[in-house]
């Protein structure tokens, strides 16, 4: 089994890429795309970011699950919300599922339409904002582990 500290470093570096990449998208590329009415800013960023973003998300999930197990929150205790750490793990899993739903919706519903029509930019912007806010919420929740949960 991997050392907890190494897992934490992998988790934090992956969170930096995931949340940071979405913050860059929200703060820089999305406003420019809206201002210039040009979806290519979003589409081009998505093509460049997706490989490292998806890798960071996979590493986040794997390291998060392994750390949860190290804290005694095994799959049998997910969604019990009985202990402070279980609350964090379960809430983060729910937020992960929400992220996955937004990602699937964006990938299969919104992006194909956005490729051909700028009118879908507001819908994509909503997806981007929601995933970014969820990522920030997960980051904040993770910080509570240091204090034993919430």
Protein backbone atom coordinates (compact mmCIF):
# COMPACT_ATOMS: atom_id res chain seq x y z
CA UNK A 1 0.00 0.00 0.00
CA UNK A 2 1.12 3.52 -0.71
CA UNK A 3 2.32 5.83 2.03
CA UNK A 4 -0.40 8.26 3.14
CA UNK A 5 1.83 11.30 2.62
CA UNK A 6 2.62 10.28 -0.96
CA UNK A 7 -1.10 9.77 -1.62
CA UNK A 8 -1.80 13.22 -0.20
CA UNK A 9 0.83 14.82 -2.44
CA UNK A 10 -0.62 13.10 -5.52
CA UNK A 11 -4.10 14.19 -4.45
CA UNK A 12 -3.07 17.81 -3.87
CA UNK A 13 -1.12 18.08 -7.13
CA UNK A 14 -4.05 16.59 -9.04
CA UNK A 15 -6.46 18.97 -7.33
CA UNK A 16 -4.20 21.85 -8.32
CA UNK A 17 -4.40 20.83 -11.98
CA UNK A 18 -8.15 20.09 -11.88
CA UNK A 19 -9.33 23.17 -9.97
CA UNK A 20 -6.63 25.46 -11.36
CA UNK A 21 -7.42 24.47 -14.93
CA UNK A 22 -11.10 25.23 -14.39
CA UNK A 23 -10.32 28.54 -12.69
CA UNK A 24 -8.18 29.54 -15.70
CA UNK A 25 -11.04 28.54 -17.98
CA UNK A 26 -13.57 30.59 -15.97
CA UNK A 27 -11.34 33.61 -15.42
CA UNK A 28 -9.71 33.89 -18.83
CA UNK A 29 -11.09 31.83 -21.69
CA UNK A 30 -14.82 31.91 -20.88
CA UNK A 31 -15.06 35.72 -20.58
CA UNK A 32 -13.15 36.13 -23.84
CA UNK A 33 -15.40 33.62 -25.62
CA UNK A 34 -18.51 35.43 -24.36
CA UNK A 35 -17.17 38.90 -25.15
CA UNK A 36 -16.06 38.00 -28.67
CA UNK A 37 -18.93 35.56 -29.27
CA UNK A 38 -16.41 32.92 -30.29
CA UNK A 39 -16.79 29.40 -28.89
CA UNK A 40 -13.39 28.39 -30.28
CA UNK A 41 -11.67 29.82 -27.20
CA UNK A 42 -13.49 27.21 -25.11
CA UNK A 43 -13.19 24.42 -27.64
CA UNK A 44 -9.44 24.95 -28.15
CA UNK A 45 -8.78 25.14 -24.41
CA UNK A 46 -10.82 21.99 -23.85
CA UNK A 47 -8.76 20.08 -26.42
CA UNK A 48 -5.48 21.13 -24.79
CA UNK A 49 -6.62 20.73 -21.17
CA UNK A 50 -8.61 17.50 -21.48
CA UNK A 51 -5.70 15.01 -21.44
CA UNK A 52 -4.07 16.43 -18.30
CA UNK A 53 -7.42 17.35 -16.75
CA UNK A 54 -8.80 13.82 -17.12
CA UNK A 55 -5.57 12.32 -15.80
CA UNK A 56 -5.73 14.61 -12.77
CA UNK A 57 -9.38 13.67 -12.17
CA UNK A 58 -8.55 9.95 -12.33
CA UNK A 59 -5.64 10.45 -9.91
CA UNK A 60 -7.91 12.47 -7.61
CA UNK A 61 -10.49 9.69 -7.50
CA UNK A 62 -7.94 6.91 -6.96
CA UNK A 63 -5.89 8.76 -4.34
CA UNK A 64 -9.06 9.95 -2.61
CA UNK A 65 -10.48 6.44 -2.35
CA UNK A 66 -7.16 5.05 -1.09
CA UNK A 67 -6.91 7.80 1.53
CA UNK A 68 -10.53 7.22 2.57
CA UNK A 69 -9.65 3.57 3.17
CA UNK A 70 -6.64 4.64 5.25
CA UNK A 71 -9.07 6.68 7.38
CA UNK A 72 -11.29 3.61 7.76
CA UNK A 73 -14.00 4.83 5.40
CA UNK A 74 -14.37 1.72 3.27
CA UNK A 75 -17.05 1.25 0.64
CA UNK A 76 -19.39 -0.22 3.27
CA UNK A 77 -19.37 3.16 5.07
CA UNK A 78 -19.85 5.40 2.07
CA UNK A 79 -22.98 7.52 2.39
CA UNK A 80 -23.51 6.66 6.05
CA UNK A 81 -22.51 10.16 7.21
CA UNK A 82 -21.94 8.68 10.70
CA UNK A 83 -18.51 10.16 11.47
CA UNK A 84 -16.97 13.49 10.52
CA UNK A 85 -14.58 11.83 8.03
CA UNK A 86 -17.43 9.75 6.56
CA UNK A 87 -19.35 12.99 6.02
CA UNK A 88 -16.45 14.46 4.05
CA UNK A 89 -15.87 11.33 1.98
CA UNK A 90 -19.57 10.86 1.26
CA UNK A 91 -20.13 14.51 0.37
CA UNK A 92 -17.09 14.49 -1.92
CA UNK A 93 -18.38 11.33 -3.62
CA UNK A 94 -21.75 12.98 -4.21
CA UNK A 95 -19.99 16.02 -5.66
CA UNK A 96 -17.88 13.71 -7.82
CA UNK A 97 -21.04 12.12 -9.21
CA UNK A 98 -22.41 15.59 -9.96
CA UNK A 99 -19.15 16.46 -11.73
CA UNK A 100 -19.38 13.29 -13.80
CA UNK A 101 -22.96 14.11 -14.79
CA UNK A 102 -21.91 17.60 -15.91
CA UNK A 103 -18.93 16.12 -17.80
CA UNK A 104 -21.08 13.58 -19.60
CA UNK A 105 -23.67 16.21 -20.45
CA UNK A 106 -21.00 18.56 -21.76
CA UNK A 107 -19.20 15.88 -23.74
CA UNK A 108 -22.20 14.26 -25.39
CA UNK A 109 -24.84 17.00 -25.41
CA UNK A 110 -23.39 20.49 -25.28
CA UNK A 111 -19.96 20.33 -26.96
CA UNK A 112 -21.21 18.70 -30.18
CA UNK A 113 -23.80 21.49 -30.53
CA UNK A 114 -21.33 24.20 -29.51
CA UNK A 115 -18.95 23.12 -32.27
CA UNK A 116 -21.44 24.40 -34.82
CA UNK A 117 -23.46 27.05 -33.01
CA UNK A 118 -22.47 29.87 -30.64
CA UNK A 119 -25.98 29.94 -29.15
CA UNK A 120 -24.97 26.97 -26.95
CA UNK A 121 -22.20 28.97 -25.27
CA UNK A 122 -24.41 29.99 -22.29
CA UNK A 123 -25.26 26.33 -21.66
CA UNK A 124 -21.58 25.42 -21.80
CA UNK A 125 -20.76 28.35 -19.52
CA UNK A 126 -23.21 26.99 -16.95
CA UNK A 127 -21.54 23.57 -17.11
CA UNK A 128 -18.10 25.15 -16.73
CA UNK A 129 -19.17 27.30 -13.78
CA UNK A 130 -20.86 24.39 -12.01
CA UNK A 131 -17.87 22.06 -12.38
CA UNK A 132 -15.55 24.82 -11.18
CA UNK A 133 -17.69 25.57 -8.12
CA UNK A 134 -17.97 21.86 -7.34
CA UNK A 135 -14.18 21.52 -7.62
CA UNK A 136 -13.65 24.41 -5.22
CA UNK A 137 -16.19 22.92 -2.80
CA UNK A 138 -14.40 19.57 -2.91
CA UNK A 139 -11.07 21.30 -2.27
CA UNK A 140 -12.50 23.09 0.76
CA UNK A 141 -14.10 19.90 2.08
CA UNK A 142 -10.77 18.10 1.75
CA UNK A 143 -9.10 20.75 3.89
CA UNK A 144 -11.39 19.77 6.78
CA UNK A 145 -9.82 16.29 6.97
CA UNK A 146 -6.85 17.88 8.70
CA UNK A 147 -9.19 18.95 11.50
CA UNK A 148 -10.92 15.58 11.79
CA UNK A 149 -13.90 16.39 9.57
CA UNK A 150 -16.94 18.57 10.02
